[in-house]
Amino acid sequence: MRNVSRRMTVATFAIGGAARERIEIEVFGYEHAPVGEYHDDNWLRVRVTVHAGAFSASYDAAFLTEELARFREQLETLYQSLRGQAEFATLEGQLSLLLTVDERGEVLVRGVAIDVPGTGNRLQFQLTLDQSHLRSAIDELRQVTDRYPIRAG
C-alpha cells in the first residue's frame, strides 16, 4: 500500500480548515474483494495527513469501515448538542482523535498519529477549531461512508 498515488483518491474527509490545523483522510478503496468474512471485507486503504502547527505527517494506513461510521455518528451528535465528545480510534492504533467542545463553542481536537502499527513513530497533537468545521467534516465523512459502507460478513 505504500506510495499510493494521489490521483487514485476516491473519497476524502477532513477535520479543520486552516493549512496548519487539519487532519485529512483519503480513502482509496477496500483492501480486498468481499469473501464473506466481516473483518477481511471491511478494511479500507487510506492515507492520513496531519498538519498541526509547524508539524506535519503523511502515512498510509488501514481503517475499518465501522470505525468511520461510528465516528460519523458521534460527530453528528457532538455537532447537534455541542456537548460531550466524539472519538475516533482504530483497531491498529494508527490514528486516534478525541473532539470536545468548550464553553466558547470551540472544538478541541486531541490526537495521536502513528505511522506503523505497534512500532512506529508517534505524533501527538492538539488543534483548536471553530465548530463550523464539524459540519463540513460530517458531510465529507457521510460521502465516504456512503461510498464504502460496512459490508455484511
N, C-alpha and C. Protein backbone atom coordinates (compact mmCIF):
# COMPACT_ATOMS: atom_id res chain seq x y z
N MET A 1 0.82 -1.18 0.00
CA MET A 1 0.00 0.00 0.00
C MET A 1 0.87 1.25 0.00
N ARG A 2 2.11 1.15 0.16
CA ARG A 2 2.99 2.31 0.18
C ARG A 2 2.99 3.01 -1.17
N ASN A 3 3.26 4.32 -1.13
CA ASN A 3 3.36 5.14 -2.32
C ASN A 3 2.09 5.12 -3.18
N VAL A 4 0.96 5.22 -2.52
CA VAL A 4 -0.30 5.28 -3.25
C VAL A 4 -0.40 6.63 -3.95
N SER A 5 -0.70 6.62 -5.20
CA SER A 5 -0.77 7.86 -5.97
C SER A 5 -1.98 8.68 -5.56
N ARG A 6 -1.81 9.99 -5.42
CA ARG A 6 -2.91 10.88 -5.09
C ARG A 6 -3.97 10.88 -6.19
N ARG A 7 -3.60 10.58 -7.41
CA ARG A 7 -4.58 10.56 -8.50
C ARG A 7 -5.60 9.46 -8.33
N MET A 8 -5.30 8.46 -7.51
CA MET A 8 -6.22 7.36 -7.28
C MET A 8 -7.24 7.67 -6.18
N THR A 9 -7.14 8.83 -5.55
CA THR A 9 -8.02 9.18 -4.46
C THR A 9 -9.47 9.08 -4.89
N VAL A 10 -10.25 8.39 -4.09
CA VAL A 10 -11.66 8.20 -4.40
C VAL A 10 -12.53 9.05 -3.49
N ALA A 11 -12.23 9.11 -2.20
CA ALA A 11 -13.04 9.88 -1.27
C ALA A 11 -12.15 10.44 -0.17
N THR A 12 -12.45 11.66 0.27
CA THR A 12 -11.64 12.32 1.28
C THR A 12 -12.54 13.02 2.29
N PHE A 13 -12.11 12.99 3.55
CA PHE A 13 -12.74 13.86 4.53
C PHE A 13 -11.66 14.49 5.39
N ALA A 14 -11.98 15.66 5.93
CA ALA A 14 -11.01 16.41 6.71
C ALA A 14 -11.68 17.04 7.92
N ILE A 15 -10.89 17.21 8.94
CA ILE A 15 -11.31 17.94 10.13
C ILE A 15 -10.38 19.13 10.22
N GLY A 16 -10.97 20.31 10.27
CA GLY A 16 -10.17 21.54 10.31
C GLY A 16 -10.23 22.24 8.98
N GLY A 17 -9.69 23.40 8.93
CA GLY A 17 -9.75 24.15 7.69
C GLY A 17 -8.41 24.75 7.32
N ALA A 18 -7.77 25.35 8.30
CA ALA A 18 -6.50 26.03 8.04
C ALA A 18 -5.43 25.01 7.69
N ALA A 19 -4.51 25.43 6.85
CA ALA A 19 -3.45 24.53 6.40
C ALA A 19 -2.62 24.00 7.56
N ARG A 20 -2.55 24.72 8.68
CA ARG A 20 -1.72 24.30 9.80
C ARG A 20 -2.53 23.66 10.93
N GLU A 21 -3.82 23.48 10.70
CA GLU A 21 -4.69 22.83 11.70
C GLU A 21 -5.68 21.95 10.96
N ARG A 22 -5.20 20.78 10.53
CA ARG A 22 -6.05 19.96 9.67
C ARG A 22 -5.62 18.50 9.72
N ILE A 23 -6.61 17.62 9.78
CA ILE A 23 -6.40 16.18 9.66
C ILE A 23 -7.19 15.76 8.43
N GLU A 24 -6.54 15.11 7.50
CA GLU A 24 -7.20 14.69 6.27
C GLU A 24 -7.02 13.19 6.09
N ILE A 25 -8.11 12.53 5.71
CA ILE A 25 -8.08 11.10 5.45
C ILE A 25 -8.56 10.86 4.03
N GLU A 26 -7.67 10.32 3.21
CA GLU A 26 -8.02 9.96 1.84
C GLU A 26 -8.29 8.46 1.82
N VAL A 27 -9.42 8.08 1.26
CA VAL A 27 -9.80 6.67 1.19
C VAL A 27 -9.67 6.22 -0.26
N PHE A 28 -8.85 5.19 -0.47
CA PHE A 28 -8.56 4.70 -1.82
C PHE A 28 -9.41 3.50 -2.21
N GLY A 29 -10.06 2.89 -1.25
CA GLY A 29 -10.92 1.74 -1.54
C GLY A 29 -10.77 0.64 -0.53
N TYR A 30 -11.58 -0.39 -0.71
CA TYR A 30 -11.46 -1.58 0.12
C TYR A 30 -10.13 -2.25 -0.16
N GLU A 31 -9.55 -2.87 0.86
CA GLU A 31 -8.29 -3.58 0.65
C GLU A 31 -8.48 -4.84 -0.17
N HIS A 32 -9.65 -5.51 -0.03
CA HIS A 32 -9.86 -6.80 -0.68
C HIS A 32 -11.27 -6.89 -1.26
N ALA A 33 -11.43 -7.74 -2.24
CA ALA A 33 -12.76 -8.08 -2.73
C ALA A 33 -13.48 -8.84 -1.61
N PRO A 34 -14.79 -8.72 -1.54
CA PRO A 34 -15.51 -9.41 -0.45
C PRO A 34 -15.39 -10.93 -0.56
N VAL A 35 -15.15 -11.55 0.62
CA VAL A 35 -15.05 -13.01 0.68
C VAL A 35 -16.03 -13.59 1.69
N GLY A 36 -16.84 -12.72 2.29
CA GLY A 36 -17.82 -13.19 3.26
C GLY A 36 -17.33 -13.23 4.69
N GLU A 37 -16.14 -12.69 4.97
CA GLU A 37 -15.60 -12.62 6.33
C GLU A 37 -15.62 -11.15 6.75
N TYR A 38 -16.34 -10.85 7.79
CA TYR A 38 -16.64 -9.47 8.20
C TYR A 38 -15.39 -8.59 8.24
N HIS A 39 -14.38 -8.96 9.02
CA HIS A 39 -13.21 -8.09 9.15
C HIS A 39 -12.43 -7.98 7.86
N ASP A 40 -12.20 -9.08 7.19
CA ASP A 40 -11.45 -9.03 5.92
C ASP A 40 -12.16 -8.16 4.89
N ASP A 41 -13.47 -8.20 4.88
CA ASP A 41 -14.26 -7.47 3.88
C ASP A 41 -14.34 -5.98 4.14
N ASN A 42 -14.00 -5.53 5.34
CA ASN A 42 -14.25 -4.13 5.72
C ASN A 42 -13.01 -3.28 5.97
N TRP A 43 -11.85 -3.75 5.57
CA TRP A 43 -10.65 -2.91 5.66
C TRP A 43 -10.59 -1.96 4.48
N LEU A 44 -10.25 -0.71 4.76
CA LEU A 44 -10.07 0.31 3.72
C LEU A 44 -8.62 0.75 3.67
N ARG A 45 -8.12 1.00 2.47
CA ARG A 45 -6.80 1.59 2.28
C ARG A 45 -6.94 3.10 2.40
N VAL A 46 -6.15 3.72 3.26
CA VAL A 46 -6.25 5.16 3.47
C VAL A 46 -4.87 5.79 3.55
N ARG A 47 -4.86 7.09 3.38
CA ARG A 47 -3.68 7.90 3.66
C ARG A 47 -4.12 8.96 4.65
N VAL A 48 -3.37 9.07 5.73
CA VAL A 48 -3.64 10.06 6.77
C VAL A 48 -2.63 11.18 6.62
N THR A 49 -3.11 12.41 6.66
CA THR A 49 -2.24 13.58 6.65
C THR A 49 -2.64 14.47 7.80
N VAL A 50 -1.65 14.83 8.62
CA VAL A 50 -1.89 15.69 9.78
C VAL A 50 -1.04 16.94 9.62
N HIS A 51 -1.66 18.08 9.80
CA HIS A 51 -0.95 19.36 9.86
C HIS A 51 -1.30 19.98 11.20
N ALA A 52 -0.31 20.09 12.08
CA ALA A 52 -0.52 20.63 13.42
C ALA A 52 0.59 21.64 13.69
N GLY A 53 0.27 22.91 13.50
CA GLY A 53 1.29 23.94 13.66
C GLY A 53 2.42 23.72 12.67
N ALA A 54 3.64 23.70 13.16
CA ALA A 54 4.81 23.52 12.30
C ALA A 54 5.05 22.06 11.94
N PHE A 55 4.28 21.14 12.53
CA PHE A 55 4.49 19.71 12.30
C PHE A 55 3.50 19.19 11.27
N SER A 56 3.98 18.23 10.49
CA SER A 56 3.08 17.56 9.55
C SER A 56 3.55 16.13 9.37
N ALA A 57 2.58 15.28 9.04
CA ALA A 57 2.88 13.87 8.81
C ALA A 57 1.91 13.37 7.75
N SER A 58 2.36 12.41 6.97
CA SER A 58 1.52 11.76 5.99
C SER A 58 1.97 10.31 5.90
N TYR A 59 1.01 9.40 6.04
CA TYR A 59 1.36 7.99 6.05
C TYR A 59 0.16 7.15 5.61
N ASP A 60 0.45 5.96 5.12
CA ASP A 60 -0.58 5.02 4.70
C ASP A 60 -1.03 4.20 5.89
N ALA A 61 -2.30 3.83 5.89
CA ALA A 61 -2.86 3.04 6.99
C ALA A 61 -4.03 2.23 6.46
N ALA A 62 -4.63 1.45 7.34
CA ALA A 62 -5.84 0.69 7.02
C ALA A 62 -6.83 0.91 8.16
N PHE A 63 -8.04 1.31 7.81
CA PHE A 63 -9.10 1.53 8.79
C PHE A 63 -10.27 0.62 8.44
N LEU A 64 -11.06 0.29 9.43
CA LEU A 64 -12.27 -0.48 9.22
C LEU A 64 -13.43 0.45 8.90
N THR A 65 -14.32 0.01 8.03
CA THR A 65 -15.49 0.81 7.66
C THR A 65 -16.31 1.18 8.89
N GLU A 66 -16.44 0.27 9.84
CA GLU A 66 -17.24 0.54 11.04
C GLU A 66 -16.63 1.64 11.89
N GLU A 67 -15.31 1.79 11.86
CA GLU A 67 -14.66 2.86 12.62
C GLU A 67 -15.07 4.22 12.08
N LEU A 68 -15.13 4.34 10.76
CA LEU A 68 -15.56 5.60 10.15
C LEU A 68 -17.04 5.87 10.40
N ALA A 69 -17.87 4.84 10.29
CA ALA A 69 -19.31 5.01 10.50
C ALA A 69 -19.60 5.42 11.95
N ARG A 70 -18.94 4.79 12.90
CA ARG A 70 -19.14 5.13 14.32
C ARG A 70 -18.70 6.57 14.59
N PHE A 71 -17.59 6.97 14.01
CA PHE A 71 -17.09 8.33 14.21
C PHE A 71 -18.06 9.35 13.62
N ARG A 72 -18.60 9.06 12.44
CA ARG A 72 -19.58 9.97 11.83
C ARG A 72 -20.79 10.16 12.75
N GLU A 73 -21.29 9.08 13.31
CA GLU A 73 -22.44 9.18 14.22
C GLU A 73 -22.10 10.04 15.44
N GLN A 74 -20.92 9.85 15.99
CA GLN A 74 -20.51 10.63 17.15
C GLN A 74 -20.32 12.10 16.80
N LEU A 75 -19.76 12.38 15.62
CA LEU A 75 -19.60 13.77 15.18
C LEU A 75 -20.96 14.45 15.02
N GLU A 76 -21.92 13.73 14.45
CA GLU A 76 -23.26 14.29 14.28
C GLU A 76 -23.89 14.65 15.62
N THR A 77 -23.75 13.78 16.60
CA THR A 77 -24.28 14.04 17.94
C THR A 77 -23.58 15.24 18.58
N LEU A 78 -22.26 15.30 18.46
CA LEU A 78 -21.50 16.41 19.01
C LEU A 78 -21.92 17.73 18.36
N TYR A 79 -22.08 17.72 17.06
CA TYR A 79 -22.46 18.94 16.33
C TYR A 79 -23.85 19.41 16.74
N GLN A 80 -24.78 18.50 16.90
CA GLN A 80 -26.15 18.86 17.26
C GLN A 80 -26.25 19.38 18.69
N SER A 81 -25.52 18.79 19.61
CA SER A 81 -25.65 19.16 21.02
C SER A 81 -24.59 20.14 21.51
N LEU A 82 -23.45 20.17 20.84
CA LEU A 82 -22.28 20.93 21.28
C LEU A 82 -21.90 20.58 22.72
N ARG A 83 -22.13 19.31 23.06
CA ARG A 83 -21.77 18.75 24.37
C ARG A 83 -21.21 17.36 24.16
N GLY A 84 -20.44 16.92 25.14
CA GLY A 84 -19.91 15.56 25.06
C GLY A 84 -18.65 15.50 24.22
N GLN A 85 -18.49 14.38 23.57
CA GLN A 85 -17.28 14.19 22.78
C GLN A 85 -17.54 13.25 21.61
N ALA A 86 -16.63 13.30 20.67
CA ALA A 86 -16.61 12.36 19.55
C ALA A 86 -15.21 11.76 19.54
N GLU A 87 -15.16 10.44 19.41
CA GLU A 87 -13.87 9.76 19.46
C GLU A 87 -13.69 8.88 18.24
N PHE A 88 -12.51 8.97 17.65
CA PHE A 88 -12.12 8.09 16.55
C PHE A 88 -10.93 7.29 17.03
N ALA A 89 -11.05 5.99 16.99
CA ALA A 89 -9.95 5.11 17.37
C ALA A 89 -9.92 3.95 16.39
N THR A 90 -8.73 3.57 15.97
CA THR A 90 -8.61 2.49 15.01
C THR A 90 -8.08 1.23 15.69
N LEU A 91 -8.45 0.10 15.14
CA LEU A 91 -8.05 -1.19 15.70
C LEU A 91 -6.53 -1.29 15.80
N GLU A 92 -5.83 -0.82 14.80
CA GLU A 92 -4.37 -0.92 14.79
C GLU A 92 -3.69 0.29 15.44
N GLY A 93 -4.47 1.23 15.96
CA GLY A 93 -3.92 2.35 16.71
C GLY A 93 -3.20 3.40 15.89
N GLN A 94 -3.40 3.41 14.58
CA GLN A 94 -2.64 4.36 13.77
C GLN A 94 -3.16 5.79 13.83
N LEU A 95 -4.39 5.97 14.28
CA LEU A 95 -4.91 7.32 14.46
C LEU A 95 -5.96 7.29 15.55
N SER A 96 -5.82 8.19 16.50
CA SER A 96 -6.86 8.37 17.50
C SER A 96 -7.12 9.86 17.64
N LEU A 97 -8.40 10.20 17.71
CA LEU A 97 -8.83 11.59 17.84
C LEU A 97 -9.90 11.66 18.92
N LEU A 98 -9.83 12.71 19.73
CA LEU A 98 -10.87 12.99 20.71
C LEU A 98 -11.26 14.44 20.52
N LEU A 99 -12.52 14.66 20.16
CA LEU A 99 -13.04 16.01 19.93
C LEU A 99 -14.01 16.37 21.04
N THR A 100 -13.82 17.55 21.63
CA THR A 100 -14.72 18.08 22.63
C THR A 100 -15.01 19.54 22.29
N VAL A 101 -16.10 20.07 22.81
CA VAL A 101 -16.46 21.47 22.58
C VAL A 101 -16.35 22.20 23.91
N ASP A 102 -15.66 23.34 23.93
CA ASP A 102 -15.53 24.09 25.18
C ASP A 102 -16.68 25.08 25.35
N GLU A 103 -16.66 25.82 26.43
CA GLU A 103 -17.76 26.75 26.76
C GLU A 103 -17.89 27.89 25.75
N ARG A 104 -16.87 28.17 24.98
CA ARG A 104 -16.94 29.23 23.96
C ARG A 104 -17.39 28.69 22.61
N GLY A 105 -17.62 27.38 22.52
CA GLY A 105 -18.04 26.77 21.27
C GLY A 105 -16.90 26.35 20.37
N GLU A 106 -15.67 26.44 20.87
CA GLU A 106 -14.53 25.99 20.08
C GLU A 106 -14.37 24.48 20.23
N VAL A 107 -13.93 23.85 19.17
CA VAL A 107 -13.73 22.40 19.18
C VAL A 107 -12.26 22.12 19.44
N LEU A 108 -12.01 21.36 20.50
CA LEU A 108 -10.66 20.95 20.83
C LEU A 108 -10.46 19.54 20.30
N VAL A 109 -9.42 19.36 19.49
CA VAL A 109 -9.08 18.05 18.92
C VAL A 109 -7.76 17.62 19.53
N ARG A 110 -7.78 16.50 20.23
CA ARG A 110 -6.55 15.90 20.74
C ARG A 110 -6.33 14.64 19.92
N GLY A 111 -5.11 14.47 19.41
CA GLY A 111 -4.88 13.33 18.55
C GLY A 111 -3.51 12.71 18.70
N VAL A 112 -3.44 11.47 18.25
CA VAL A 112 -2.17 10.75 18.17
C VAL A 112 -2.16 10.04 16.81
N ALA A 113 -1.09 10.25 16.07
CA ALA A 113 -0.89 9.59 14.77
C ALA A 113 0.35 8.72 14.88
N ILE A 114 0.23 7.47 14.42
CA ILE A 114 1.35 6.52 14.47
C ILE A 114 1.53 5.96 13.06
N ASP A 115 2.74 6.10 12.51
CA ASP A 115 2.94 5.73 11.10
C ASP A 115 3.00 4.24 10.84
N VAL A 116 3.43 3.43 11.78
CA VAL A 116 3.48 1.97 11.61
C VAL A 116 2.84 1.35 12.85
N PRO A 117 1.85 0.47 12.67
CA PRO A 117 1.18 -0.11 13.84
C PRO A 117 2.17 -0.77 14.81
N GLY A 118 2.03 -0.42 16.08
CA GLY A 118 2.82 -1.07 17.12
C GLY A 118 4.23 -0.56 17.32
N THR A 119 4.94 -0.24 16.26
CA THR A 119 6.37 0.11 16.40
C THR A 119 6.72 1.46 15.79
N GLY A 120 5.74 2.18 15.29
CA GLY A 120 6.02 3.37 14.51
C GLY A 120 6.32 4.62 15.32
N ASN A 121 6.63 5.65 14.59
CA ASN A 121 6.82 6.97 15.18
C ASN A 121 5.47 7.53 15.57
N ARG A 122 5.46 8.38 16.58
CA ARG A 122 4.22 8.90 17.14
C ARG A 122 4.24 10.43 17.10
N LEU A 123 3.16 11.00 16.59
CA LEU A 123 2.95 12.44 16.62
C LEU A 123 1.72 12.70 17.48
N GLN A 124 1.93 13.36 18.60
CA GLN A 124 0.83 13.73 19.48
C GLN A 124 0.54 15.21 19.24
N PHE A 125 -0.74 15.56 19.04
CA PHE A 125 -1.05 16.94 18.66
C PHE A 125 -2.37 17.39 19.27
N GLN A 126 -2.56 18.70 19.23
CA GLN A 126 -3.80 19.30 19.71
C GLN A 126 -4.13 20.47 18.79
N LEU A 127 -5.39 20.53 18.35
CA LEU A 127 -5.86 21.59 17.48
C LEU A 127 -7.07 22.25 18.12
N THR A 128 -7.25 23.53 17.87
CA THR A 128 -8.46 24.23 18.28
C THR A 128 -9.14 24.75 17.03
N LEU A 129 -10.40 24.31 16.82
CA LEU A 129 -11.12 24.62 15.60
C LEU A 129 -12.44 25.31 15.92
N ASP A 130 -12.98 25.98 14.94
CA ASP A 130 -14.32 26.54 15.04
C ASP A 130 -15.32 25.42 14.84
N GLN A 131 -16.46 25.48 15.54
CA GLN A 131 -17.47 24.42 15.42
C GLN A 131 -18.02 24.29 14.00
N SER A 132 -17.90 25.33 13.20
CA SER A 132 -18.39 25.24 11.81
C SER A 132 -17.63 24.19 11.01
N HIS A 133 -16.41 23.85 11.43
CA HIS A 133 -15.65 22.81 10.74
C HIS A 133 -16.27 21.43 10.90
N LEU A 134 -17.07 21.24 11.94
CA LEU A 134 -17.71 19.94 12.14
C LEU A 134 -18.69 19.61 11.02
N ARG A 135 -19.46 20.61 10.59
CA ARG A 135 -20.48 20.36 9.56
C ARG A 135 -19.84 19.83 8.27
N SER A 136 -18.77 20.47 7.82
CA SER A 136 -18.13 20.01 6.58
C SER A 136 -17.49 18.64 6.77
N ALA A 137 -16.92 18.38 7.94
CA ALA A 137 -16.34 17.06 8.22
C ALA A 137 -17.41 15.98 8.18
N ILE A 138 -18.58 16.27 8.76
CA ILE A 138 -19.68 15.31 8.75
C ILE A 138 -20.15 15.04 7.32
N ASP A 139 -20.33 16.10 6.55
CA ASP A 139 -20.78 15.94 5.16
C ASP A 139 -19.80 15.11 4.34
N GLU A 140 -18.51 15.41 4.48
CA GLU A 140 -17.49 14.66 3.73
C GLU A 140 -17.42 13.21 4.21
N LEU A 141 -17.52 13.01 5.51
CA LEU A 141 -17.45 11.66 6.06
C LEU A 141 -18.68 10.85 5.64
N ARG A 142 -19.83 11.48 5.53
CA ARG A 142 -21.03 10.79 5.04
C ARG A 142 -20.81 10.32 3.60
N GLN A 143 -20.17 11.14 2.77
CA GLN A 143 -19.88 10.72 1.40
C GLN A 143 -18.96 9.49 1.39
N VAL A 144 -17.97 9.49 2.29
CA VAL A 144 -17.05 8.35 2.38
C VAL A 144 -17.80 7.10 2.80
N THR A 145 -18.61 7.20 3.86
CA THR A 145 -19.31 6.01 4.36
C THR A 145 -20.41 5.55 3.42
N ASP A 146 -20.97 6.47 2.64
CA ASP A 146 -21.93 6.06 1.61
C ASP A 146 -21.22 5.30 0.49
N ARG A 147 -20.05 5.77 0.12
CA ARG A 147 -19.28 5.12 -0.96
C ARG A 147 -18.71 3.78 -0.52
N TYR A 148 -18.30 3.70 0.77
CA TYR A 148 -17.70 2.49 1.32
C TYR A 148 -18.48 2.05 2.56
N PRO A 149 -19.64 1.49 2.36
CA PRO A 149 -20.46 1.06 3.50
C PRO A 149 -19.86 -0.19 4.17
N ILE A 150 -20.35 -0.44 5.38
CA ILE A 150 -19.98 -1.67 6.09
C ILE A 150 -20.54 -2.85 5.32
N ARG A 151 -19.68 -3.76 4.95
CA ARG A 151 -20.10 -4.97 4.25
C ARG A 151 -20.52 -6.03 5.26
N ALA A 152 -21.63 -6.68 5.01
CA ALA A 152 -22.08 -7.78 5.88
C ALA A 152 -21.12 -8.96 5.71
N GLY A 153 -20.82 -9.63 6.81
CA GLY A 153 -19.84 -10.74 6.76
C GLY A 153 -20.42 -12.05 6.40
